[in-house]
Protein backbone atom coordinates (compact mmCIF):
# COMPACT_ATOMS: atom_id res chain seq x y z
CA MET A 1 165.47 131.67 -3.39
CA ARG A 2 165.35 129.63 -6.58
CA ILE A 3 168.56 129.23 -8.54
CA GLY A 4 166.97 131.12 -11.43
CA ASN A 5 166.43 134.12 -9.15
CA TYR A 6 170.03 133.92 -8.01
CA ILE A 7 171.27 133.87 -11.59
CA ARG A 8 169.26 136.98 -12.43
CA GLU A 9 170.62 138.80 -9.37
CA PHE A 10 174.18 137.67 -10.07
CA GLN A 11 173.82 138.85 -13.65
CA ARG A 12 172.83 142.27 -12.31
CA GLN A 13 176.00 142.39 -10.22
CA ILE A 14 178.27 141.43 -13.11
CA ALA A 15 176.34 143.33 -15.79
CA PRO A 16 179.20 145.81 -16.37
CA PHE A 17 181.33 142.92 -17.65
CA LEU A 18 178.74 141.49 -20.06
CA MET A 19 177.46 142.29 -23.52
CA LYS A 20 174.84 145.04 -23.47
CA LYS A 21 173.07 143.63 -26.54
CA LEU A 22 172.33 139.92 -26.46
CA PRO A 23 173.30 137.79 -29.48
CA GLN A 24 170.56 136.69 -31.82
CA MET A 25 171.02 132.90 -31.73
CA ILE A 26 169.25 132.43 -28.43
CA THR A 27 168.94 128.63 -28.44
CA HIS A 28 172.66 128.25 -29.09
CA ARG A 29 175.23 128.73 -26.37
CA CYS A 30 178.96 128.28 -25.97
CA CYS A 31 180.59 127.69 -22.59
CA ILE A 32 184.29 128.41 -22.10
CA LYS A 33 186.55 127.40 -19.22
CA ILE A 34 190.01 128.96 -19.05
CA SER A 35 192.95 127.65 -17.05
CA PRO A 36 196.46 129.15 -17.06
CA LYS A 37 197.51 126.77 -19.87
CA GLU A 38 194.34 125.54 -21.56
CA VAL A 39 191.06 126.79 -23.02
CA SER A 40 188.16 124.32 -23.11
CA LEU A 41 184.87 125.10 -24.81
CA ILE A 42 181.66 123.49 -25.90
CA HIS A 43 178.95 124.70 -28.30
CA ILE A 44 175.44 123.29 -28.03
CA GLU A 45 171.91 124.11 -29.04
CA LYS A 46 169.49 123.70 -26.15
CA THR A 47 165.74 123.71 -26.65
CA LYS A 48 162.97 122.43 -24.42
CA ASP A 49 163.08 119.07 -26.18
CA GLN A 50 166.71 118.30 -26.84
CA VAL A 51 170.37 119.18 -26.56
CA LYS A 52 172.40 119.12 -29.76
CA LEU A 53 176.19 119.12 -29.61
CA PHE A 54 177.95 121.11 -32.32
CA MET A 55 181.52 121.23 -31.08
CA SER A 56 183.85 120.59 -28.15
CA GLU A 57 187.52 121.51 -28.21
CA SER A 58 190.51 122.15 -25.95
CA ILE A 59 193.45 124.34 -26.92
CA VAL A 60 196.73 124.47 -25.04
CA TYR A 61 198.32 127.92 -25.03
CA ASP A 62 201.56 129.38 -23.73
CA GLY A 63 201.25 132.44 -21.53
CA ALA A 64 198.47 134.89 -20.72
CA ASN A 65 199.68 137.24 -23.45
CA ASN A 66 198.58 134.71 -26.07
CA LEU A 67 195.06 134.22 -24.70
CA LEU A 68 193.47 136.95 -26.83
CA LEU A 69 194.91 135.46 -30.02
CA VAL A 70 193.76 131.97 -29.03
CA LEU A 71 190.20 133.14 -28.39
CA ALA A 72 190.10 135.19 -31.60
CA ASN A 73 191.19 132.13 -33.58
CA ILE A 74 188.45 130.09 -31.90
CA VAL A 75 185.84 132.68 -32.86
CA ASN A 76 186.93 132.68 -36.50
CA LYS A 77 187.34 128.91 -36.74
CA HIS A 78 183.93 128.05 -35.31
CA LYS A 79 182.02 131.21 -36.36
CA LEU A 80 181.01 132.08 -32.81
CA GLN A 81 180.48 135.82 -33.33
CA PHE A 82 176.72 135.64 -32.72
CA ILE A 83 176.62 132.85 -30.14
CA PRO A 84 175.92 133.70 -26.46
CA VAL A 85 179.03 132.80 -24.46
CA TYR A 86 179.10 131.66 -20.83
CA TRP A 87 182.37 131.92 -18.94
CA LEU A 88 182.72 129.16 -16.35
CA LEU A 89 185.01 130.31 -13.56
CA SER A 90 187.72 127.98 -12.28
CA PRO A 91 187.99 127.43 -8.50
CA GLU A 92 190.97 129.78 -8.33
CA ASP A 93 188.87 132.60 -9.86
CA TYR A 94 186.41 132.93 -6.98
CA GLN A 95 185.59 131.94 -3.41
CA ILE A 96 182.29 130.67 -2.05
CA PHE A 97 181.27 130.80 1.61
CA LEU A 98 178.23 129.30 3.36
CA ILE A 99 177.11 131.71 6.05
CA GLU A 100 174.34 131.59 8.61
CA SER A 101 171.72 134.25 7.95
CA LEU A 102 172.71 137.53 9.59
CA PRO A 103 170.28 139.13 12.12
CA VAL A 104 169.83 142.44 10.30
CA LYS A 105 167.07 144.19 8.36
CA PRO A 106 166.72 143.09 4.72
CA GLU A 107 167.88 146.46 3.42
CA GLU A 108 171.02 146.17 5.57
CA PHE A 109 171.85 142.58 4.67
CA ARG A 110 174.23 143.19 1.77
CA ASP A 111 176.32 145.66 3.77
CA ALA A 112 176.39 143.31 6.76
CA LEU A 113 177.42 140.44 4.52
CA GLY A 114 180.21 142.58 3.10
CA TRP A 115 181.56 143.26 6.59
CA HIS A 116 181.39 139.54 7.37
CA ILE A 117 183.16 138.56 4.15
CA LYS A 118 185.80 141.26 4.57
CA SER A 119 187.76 139.16 7.06
CA LEU A 120 187.57 136.03 4.88
CA ILE A 121 189.21 137.35 1.72
CA SER A 122 192.80 138.44 1.12
CA TYR A 123 192.06 141.68 -0.76
CA PRO A 124 190.02 144.81 0.02
CA LEU A 125 186.26 144.47 -0.23
CA GLU A 126 186.23 147.45 -2.60
CA GLU A 127 188.11 145.30 -5.11
CA ALA A 128 185.57 142.47 -4.92
CA VAL A 129 182.41 141.54 -6.77
CA LEU A 130 180.19 140.05 -4.06
CA ASP A 131 176.84 138.38 -4.46
CA TYR A 132 174.86 135.76 -2.58
CA PHE A 133 171.93 133.41 -2.89
CA LYS A 134 169.78 131.85 -0.20
CA LEU A 135 169.75 128.13 0.36
CA PRO A 136 166.37 126.49 1.05
CA ALA A 137 165.02 127.22 4.52
CA LYS A 138 165.85 124.75 7.25
CA THR A 139 163.02 122.68 8.70
CA ALA A 140 161.09 124.15 11.64
CA GLN A 141 162.66 127.58 11.30
CA ASN A 142 162.56 130.34 8.76
CA ASN A 143 166.33 130.51 8.76
CA HIS A 144 168.11 130.57 5.42
CA MET A 145 171.82 130.05 5.09
CA VAL A 146 173.34 132.04 2.27
CA ALA A 147 176.06 131.14 -0.20
CA ALA A 148 178.24 134.18 -0.81
CA VAL A 149 180.29 134.23 -4.02
CA VAL A 150 183.28 136.58 -4.22
CA ALA A 151 185.62 137.32 -7.11
CA ARG A 152 188.22 139.97 -7.85
CA LYS A 153 186.69 142.81 -9.83
CA SER A 154 189.96 143.47 -11.66
CA HIS A 155 190.16 139.87 -12.89
CA LEU A 156 186.58 139.86 -14.15
CA ALA A 157 187.11 143.18 -15.91
CA LYS A 158 190.37 142.07 -17.53
CA MET A 159 188.89 138.83 -18.81
CA ALA A 160 185.70 140.54 -20.01
CA GLY A 161 187.90 142.88 -22.04
CA ILE A 162 189.72 139.93 -23.61
CA PHE A 163 186.42 138.25 -24.46
CA HIS A 164 185.16 141.45 -26.08
CA GLU A 165 188.32 142.05 -28.12
CA SER A 166 188.31 138.45 -29.36
CA GLY A 167 184.80 138.82 -30.76
CA LEU A 168 183.08 136.58 -28.22
CA SER A 169 179.67 137.67 -26.90
CA LEU A 170 180.07 137.19 -23.15
CA THR A 171 176.54 137.04 -21.74
CA ALA A 172 176.96 135.13 -18.46
CA ILE A 173 179.56 134.28 -15.82
CA ASP A 174 178.92 131.10 -13.85
CA ILE A 175 180.50 128.87 -11.21
CA PRO A 176 181.10 125.08 -11.14
CA GLU A 177 178.65 124.57 -8.26
CA LEU A 178 175.77 125.64 -10.48
CA ALA A 179 177.10 123.66 -13.44
CA LEU A 180 177.06 120.55 -11.24
CA ARG A 181 173.56 121.43 -10.06
CA ASN A 182 172.41 121.49 -13.70
CA LEU A 183 173.87 118.03 -14.24
CA SER A 184 172.30 116.60 -11.08
CA ALA A 185 168.95 118.04 -12.18
CA LEU A 186 168.94 115.63 -15.13
CA TYR A 187 168.28 112.84 -12.62
CA GLU A 188 166.06 114.62 -10.10
CA ILE A 189 162.60 113.56 -11.22
CA ASP A 190 161.94 111.75 -7.93
CA GLU A 191 162.20 112.45 -4.19
CA LYS A 192 165.83 111.41 -3.81
CA SER A 193 168.58 113.84 -2.93
CA THR A 194 171.75 113.82 -5.02
CA ALA A 195 175.36 114.19 -3.96
CA PHE A 196 177.85 115.11 -6.67
CA ILE A 197 181.58 115.05 -5.96
CA TYR A 198 183.76 116.61 -8.63
CA PHE A 199 187.51 116.16 -8.24
CA ASN A 200 189.76 118.92 -9.50
CA GLU A 201 193.52 118.60 -9.21
CA ARG A 202 193.84 120.14 -5.74
CA LEU A 203 190.29 120.25 -4.41
CA ALA A 204 186.97 118.48 -4.65
CA ILE A 205 183.59 120.17 -4.90
CA LEU A 206 180.76 118.48 -3.02
CA ASN A 207 177.21 119.46 -3.99
CA ILE A 208 174.04 118.21 -2.34
CA THR A 209 170.84 118.94 -4.26
CA HIS A 210 167.19 118.04 -3.89
CA ASP A 211 164.33 118.67 -6.31
CA LYS A 212 166.77 120.54 -8.57
CA HIS A 213 167.71 123.00 -5.81
CA LEU A 214 171.17 123.42 -4.32
CA TYR A 215 171.08 122.83 -0.57
CA PHE A 216 174.73 122.47 0.36
CA THR A 217 178.11 122.88 -1.27
CA ARG A 218 181.66 122.61 0.00
CA HIS A 219 185.20 122.86 -1.34
CA ILE A 220 187.33 120.09 0.15
CA ASN A 221 191.06 120.64 -0.15
CA LEU A 222 193.07 117.66 -1.34
CA THR A 223 196.46 117.31 0.29
CA ILE A 224 197.68 114.94 -2.37
CA THR A 225 198.11 115.52 -6.10
CA ASN A 226 198.73 111.96 -7.26
CA GLU A 227 196.58 108.88 -6.78
CA PHE A 228 194.58 108.46 -3.57
CA GLN A 229 195.87 106.02 -0.97
CA ASP A 230 193.66 104.02 1.39
CA LYS A 231 194.12 106.52 4.21
CA ASP A 232 193.15 109.36 1.86
CA TYR A 233 189.90 107.63 0.90
CA GLU A 234 189.18 106.90 4.56
CA GLN A 235 189.59 110.53 5.62
CA PHE A 236 187.74 111.84 2.59
CA GLY A 237 184.89 109.40 3.22
CA LEU A 238 184.64 110.56 6.84
CA ASP A 239 184.41 114.17 5.67
CA ILE A 240 181.64 113.31 3.21
CA LEU A 241 179.66 111.42 5.85
CA ARG A 242 179.97 114.37 8.21
CA TYR A 243 178.50 116.68 5.56
CA PHE A 244 175.71 114.17 4.88
CA ASP A 245 174.87 114.18 8.60
CA TYR A 246 174.78 117.97 8.58
CA TYR A 247 172.47 118.01 5.56
CA GLN A 248 170.14 115.48 7.16
CA SER A 249 170.03 117.27 10.52
CA GLN A 250 169.50 120.74 9.10
CA TRP A 251 166.94 120.04 6.37
CA ARG A 252 165.43 116.75 7.58
CA HIS A 253 165.90 115.06 4.22
CA PRO A 254 167.29 111.51 4.05
CA ASN A 255 170.92 111.15 3.08
CA PRO A 256 171.49 111.40 -0.68
CA GLY A 257 170.06 108.42 -2.53
CA ARG A 258 172.32 109.09 -5.51
CA ILE A 259 176.04 109.76 -5.24
CA PHE A 260 177.99 110.67 -8.36
CA VAL A 261 181.68 111.32 -8.88
CA ALA A 262 183.44 112.83 -11.86
CA SER A 263 186.86 114.22 -12.66
CA GLU A 264 188.84 115.46 -15.60
CA LYS A 265 192.18 114.52 -14.03
CA ARG A 266 191.42 111.33 -12.09
CA ASN A 267 189.93 107.90 -12.76
CA ALA A 268 186.26 108.35 -11.85
CA VAL A 269 185.45 104.62 -12.06
CA GLU A 270 188.23 103.75 -9.63
CA MET A 271 187.32 106.57 -7.25
CA ALA A 272 183.65 105.56 -7.28
CA SER A 273 184.60 101.99 -6.37
CA PHE A 274 186.83 103.02 -3.47
CA LEU A 275 184.34 105.57 -2.12
CA SER A 276 181.56 102.97 -2.27
CA ASP A 277 183.62 100.83 0.09
CA TYR A 278 184.28 103.65 2.55
CA LEU A 279 180.81 105.22 2.45
CA LEU A 280 179.07 101.81 2.48
CA VAL A 281 176.67 103.04 -0.21
CA SER A 282 176.68 102.90 -3.99
CA VAL A 283 178.79 105.60 -5.66
CA GLU A 284 178.69 105.86 -9.45
CA PRO A 285 180.67 107.74 -12.08
CA PHE A 286 178.39 110.42 -13.47
CA SER A 287 176.74 109.47 -16.75
CA LEU A 288 175.03 111.62 -19.36
CA LYS A 289 172.55 108.86 -20.20
CA PRO A 290 169.49 111.09 -19.50
CA LEU A 291 170.55 113.26 -22.45
CA ASP A 292 169.95 112.23 -26.04
CA ILE A 293 173.45 113.01 -27.31
CA ASP A 294 175.53 111.26 -29.96
CA ARG A 295 176.80 108.24 -28.01
CA THR A 296 180.12 108.27 -29.87
CA LYS A 297 180.92 111.59 -28.16
CA VAL A 298 179.60 110.85 -24.69
CA ASP A 299 182.80 109.33 -23.26
CA LEU A 300 184.82 112.43 -24.16
CA LEU A 301 182.13 114.76 -22.82
CA GLU A 302 181.95 112.89 -19.52
CA LYS A 303 185.71 112.94 -19.10
CA LYS A 304 186.79 116.30 -20.50
CA TYR A 305 183.82 118.63 -20.90
CA LEU A 306 181.40 117.75 -18.12
CA LEU A 307 181.57 121.07 -16.28
CA THR A 308 181.36 123.16 -19.44
CA LEU A 309 178.37 121.12 -20.58
CA GLY A 310 176.73 121.56 -17.18
CA CYS A 311 177.26 125.30 -17.46
CA ALA A 312 175.77 125.34 -20.97
CA LEU A 313 172.66 123.54 -19.67
CA ARG A 314 171.69 126.48 -17.48
CA GLU A 315 168.09 127.63 -17.81
CA GLU A 316 167.49 130.94 -19.53
CA GLU A 317 164.21 132.84 -19.59
CA ARG A 318 164.74 133.43 -23.28
CA ASP A 319 165.08 129.70 -24.12
CA VAL A 320 162.58 128.93 -26.85
CA LYS A 321 161.47 125.90 -28.79
CA THR A 322 162.30 126.18 -32.45
CA GLY A 323 160.65 124.50 -35.36
CA ASN A 324 163.94 123.30 -36.83
């Protein structure tokens, strides 16, 4: 299933939490990422020909009770009332599982998946929003793995209410894996596969994409919170190579010919250098050079707003080319 099809299906699942009437400024979009202490957002205009950056900002706030006020101030300050808003979930907001296709009839698949997921989450299935998308079929067999995405219904509903009260037009909820896929797609105009490793504070997200499709993704827990030591790089590198071997054996594609790293909290240049040594291949900090964006702002975007930008780059059926 193409990512676009997944997005449409996921939007159907989360439709109760979204705006019923879409905002008018359809080439504009704002992506917001919310952590317990900080709100980060970016506002761009995306057409078929270019991406124009209007604003990026981070606001530190104290306590969940102040979040509504913070968002309302953002709306008023930047006049976002009529801008479509994408909410990028943080890793603690959801879980993602890669599951072998279940041997059931198509009409029974969702129920079977629910029973399978039930034992993997720490709350009742009735309290979950569950959706899935198929990964590309493995070579020599019509056997699709599925990526199942699960989030607490109560959390989505609470946050959707806060978005609504603040004046924001919440039109989409997305996950970092797809934001990273959008960024990798900027480079995928050839036959190479791309690995993208994004380091959060306590976990890393590994994506493997090919021809702008997501083939494999994994959350890798980090046991350390400070700087990596040699033994940490060695173990992490072994894990990455194991996932590369799995990708190659299952889909018969060569190992990724591009490997990118990025992080908001860590030194991406240093991590790329160390991982190059342990993986014995070139690893590069991710760069936005394929985009024609004001170069004076690129460094900040690459360091602080990469995931929100990737989320904002998502393809929408209603994207249009304007004459302005």
